[in-house]
N, C-alpha and C. Protein backbone atom coordinates (compact mmCIF):
# COMPACT_ATOMS: atom_id res chain seq x y z
N MET A 1 0.82 -1.19 0.00
CA MET A 1 0.00 0.00 0.00
C MET A 1 0.88 1.26 0.00
N PHE A 2 1.90 1.29 0.84
CA PHE A 2 2.79 2.45 0.89
C PHE A 2 3.66 2.47 -0.36
N ASP A 3 3.77 3.63 -0.96
CA ASP A 3 4.58 3.79 -2.16
C ASP A 3 5.59 4.90 -1.91
N ALA A 4 6.86 4.53 -1.82
CA ALA A 4 7.91 5.50 -1.51
C ALA A 4 8.03 6.59 -2.57
N GLN A 5 7.50 6.35 -3.76
CA GLN A 5 7.56 7.35 -4.83
C GLN A 5 6.48 8.42 -4.68
N LYS A 6 5.49 8.15 -3.83
CA LYS A 6 4.39 9.10 -3.64
C LYS A 6 4.65 9.97 -2.42
N SER A 7 3.97 11.11 -2.39
CA SER A 7 4.09 12.01 -1.26
C SER A 7 3.32 11.46 -0.05
N PHE A 8 3.57 12.06 1.09
CA PHE A 8 2.83 11.69 2.30
C PHE A 8 1.33 11.82 2.07
N ASP A 9 0.91 12.94 1.50
CA ASP A 9 -0.52 13.17 1.27
C ASP A 9 -1.12 12.15 0.32
N GLU A 10 -0.38 11.76 -0.71
CA GLU A 10 -0.88 10.74 -1.64
C GLU A 10 -1.01 9.39 -0.95
N ASN A 11 -0.02 9.03 -0.16
CA ASN A 11 -0.08 7.76 0.57
C ASN A 11 -1.19 7.79 1.62
N LEU A 12 -1.38 8.93 2.26
CA LEU A 12 -2.45 9.06 3.24
C LEU A 12 -3.82 8.91 2.57
N ALA A 13 -3.99 9.49 1.40
CA ALA A 13 -5.24 9.37 0.67
C ALA A 13 -5.50 7.91 0.28
N THR A 14 -4.47 7.20 -0.13
CA THR A 14 -4.61 5.78 -0.48
C THR A 14 -5.00 4.97 0.75
N PHE A 15 -4.36 5.27 1.87
CA PHE A 15 -4.67 4.59 3.12
C PHE A 15 -6.11 4.88 3.54
N LYS A 16 -6.53 6.13 3.40
CA LYS A 16 -7.89 6.51 3.76
C LYS A 16 -8.91 5.73 2.93
N THR A 17 -8.68 5.63 1.64
CA THR A 17 -9.58 4.88 0.76
C THR A 17 -9.67 3.42 1.20
N ALA A 18 -8.54 2.82 1.51
CA ALA A 18 -8.53 1.43 1.95
C ALA A 18 -9.29 1.27 3.27
N CYS A 19 -9.10 2.21 4.18
CA CYS A 19 -9.81 2.15 5.47
C CYS A 19 -11.31 2.30 5.27
N GLU A 20 -11.72 3.21 4.40
CA GLU A 20 -13.14 3.42 4.13
C GLU A 20 -13.80 2.16 3.57
N GLU A 21 -13.06 1.43 2.76
CA GLU A 21 -13.59 0.19 2.20
C GLU A 21 -13.78 -0.88 3.27
N LEU A 22 -12.94 -0.86 4.28
CA LEU A 22 -13.03 -1.85 5.36
C LEU A 22 -14.12 -1.50 6.37
N ASP A 23 -14.16 -0.23 6.80
CA ASP A 23 -15.12 0.19 7.82
C ASP A 23 -15.27 1.70 7.75
N ALA A 24 -16.33 2.14 7.11
CA ALA A 24 -16.52 3.58 6.85
C ALA A 24 -16.64 4.39 8.14
N GLU A 25 -17.35 3.86 9.14
CA GLU A 25 -17.52 4.62 10.39
C GLU A 25 -16.20 4.79 11.13
N CYS A 26 -15.46 3.71 11.25
CA CYS A 26 -14.18 3.80 11.95
C CYS A 26 -13.18 4.65 11.17
N SER A 27 -13.22 4.55 9.86
CA SER A 27 -12.37 5.38 9.03
C SER A 27 -12.65 6.86 9.25
N LYS A 28 -13.93 7.21 9.32
CA LYS A 28 -14.31 8.60 9.55
C LYS A 28 -13.77 9.08 10.89
N ILE A 29 -13.89 8.25 11.92
CA ILE A 29 -13.37 8.62 13.24
C ILE A 29 -11.87 8.84 13.17
N LEU A 30 -11.16 7.93 12.55
CA LEU A 30 -9.71 8.06 12.43
C LEU A 30 -9.33 9.34 11.69
N PHE A 31 -9.94 9.56 10.54
CA PHE A 31 -9.53 10.70 9.72
C PHE A 31 -10.10 12.02 10.19
N ASP A 32 -11.13 11.99 11.01
CA ASP A 32 -11.61 13.22 11.65
C ASP A 32 -10.60 13.71 12.69
N ASN A 33 -9.77 12.80 13.18
CA ASN A 33 -8.87 13.14 14.28
C ASN A 33 -7.39 13.04 13.95
N ILE A 34 -7.05 12.53 12.80
CA ILE A 34 -5.64 12.29 12.48
C ILE A 34 -4.83 13.59 12.39
N ASN A 35 -5.53 14.68 12.12
CA ASN A 35 -4.82 15.97 12.04
C ASN A 35 -4.13 16.34 13.34
N ILE A 36 -4.63 15.83 14.46
CA ILE A 36 -3.96 16.06 15.74
C ILE A 36 -2.53 15.56 15.66
N LEU A 37 -2.35 14.36 15.12
CA LEU A 37 -1.00 13.79 15.03
C LEU A 37 -0.19 14.44 13.92
N ILE A 38 -0.85 14.77 12.81
CA ILE A 38 -0.13 15.39 11.70
C ILE A 38 0.36 16.78 12.10
N THR A 39 -0.48 17.53 12.78
CA THR A 39 -0.16 18.91 13.15
C THR A 39 0.81 18.98 14.32
N HIS A 40 0.59 18.14 15.33
CA HIS A 40 1.36 18.25 16.57
C HIS A 40 2.43 17.19 16.73
N GLY A 41 2.52 16.28 15.78
CA GLY A 41 3.51 15.22 15.89
C GLY A 41 3.02 14.13 16.81
N ALA A 42 3.85 13.19 17.04
CA ALA A 42 3.47 12.03 17.84
C ALA A 42 3.99 12.14 19.27
N ASP A 43 4.06 13.36 19.79
CA ASP A 43 4.50 13.49 21.18
C ASP A 43 3.41 12.96 22.11
N ARG A 44 3.74 12.82 23.35
CA ARG A 44 2.82 12.20 24.31
C ARG A 44 1.49 12.94 24.41
N ASP A 45 1.52 14.27 24.46
CA ASP A 45 0.29 15.05 24.57
C ASP A 45 -0.60 14.87 23.33
N ALA A 46 0.00 14.90 22.16
CA ALA A 46 -0.77 14.73 20.92
C ALA A 46 -1.38 13.33 20.86
N ARG A 47 -0.61 12.33 21.23
CA ARG A 47 -1.14 10.97 21.23
C ARG A 47 -2.29 10.83 22.23
N SER A 48 -2.13 11.45 23.39
CA SER A 48 -3.19 11.41 24.40
C SER A 48 -4.45 12.08 23.91
N ARG A 49 -4.32 13.25 23.28
CA ARG A 49 -5.49 13.95 22.72
C ARG A 49 -6.15 13.13 21.62
N PHE A 50 -5.33 12.59 20.74
CA PHE A 50 -5.84 11.76 19.65
C PHE A 50 -6.59 10.56 20.21
N ASN A 51 -5.98 9.85 21.13
CA ASN A 51 -6.61 8.66 21.72
C ASN A 51 -7.92 9.02 22.42
N ALA A 52 -7.94 10.12 23.15
CA ALA A 52 -9.15 10.54 23.85
C ALA A 52 -10.28 10.85 22.87
N GLN A 53 -9.94 11.54 21.79
CA GLN A 53 -10.96 11.89 20.79
C GLN A 53 -11.49 10.64 20.10
N VAL A 54 -10.61 9.74 19.73
CA VAL A 54 -11.03 8.50 19.07
C VAL A 54 -11.87 7.66 20.03
N ASN A 55 -11.43 7.53 21.28
CA ASN A 55 -12.20 6.75 22.25
C ASN A 55 -13.59 7.34 22.47
N ALA A 56 -13.68 8.66 22.57
CA ALA A 56 -14.98 9.30 22.76
C ALA A 56 -15.90 9.04 21.57
N ALA A 57 -15.34 9.12 20.37
CA ALA A 57 -16.14 8.88 19.16
C ALA A 57 -16.58 7.42 19.08
N LEU A 58 -15.71 6.50 19.44
CA LEU A 58 -16.07 5.08 19.44
C LEU A 58 -17.14 4.81 20.49
N ASP A 59 -17.00 5.41 21.66
CA ASP A 59 -18.00 5.22 22.71
C ASP A 59 -19.36 5.77 22.32
N ALA A 60 -19.37 6.77 21.45
CA ALA A 60 -20.63 7.39 21.01
C ALA A 60 -21.35 6.57 19.94
N LEU A 61 -20.66 5.60 19.33
CA LEU A 61 -21.31 4.76 18.32
C LEU A 61 -22.38 3.91 18.99
N PRO A 62 -23.46 3.66 18.28
CA PRO A 62 -24.51 2.80 18.87
C PRO A 62 -24.02 1.37 19.04
N THR A 63 -24.49 0.74 20.08
CA THR A 63 -24.16 -0.67 20.29
C THR A 63 -25.03 -1.53 19.38
N ALA A 64 -24.70 -2.80 19.29
CA ALA A 64 -25.48 -3.72 18.44
C ALA A 64 -26.93 -3.75 18.90
N GLU A 65 -27.14 -3.70 20.20
CA GLU A 65 -28.51 -3.72 20.73
C GLU A 65 -29.28 -2.46 20.34
N GLN A 66 -28.60 -1.32 20.32
CA GLN A 66 -29.25 -0.06 19.96
C GLN A 66 -29.61 -0.01 18.48
N VAL A 67 -28.84 -0.69 17.67
CA VAL A 67 -29.08 -0.69 16.23
C VAL A 67 -30.34 -1.50 15.91
N GLN A 68 -30.56 -2.56 16.66
CA GLN A 68 -31.71 -3.44 16.40
C GLN A 68 -32.93 -2.77 16.83
């Protein structure tokens, strides 16, 4: 999937497409929040903010019982 000849943005777009094909909801959560890591790097604070945002979004998804 990763192509060293492509830019970061091109590889990220390819990765996003692949994620959307696997699970659109989870992909949206990931890509709604990935800018935290892109903008602030992978330092501890950025990772903590990213993880908190992703966890909150996952917790907000309906459970299987709620969907039925």
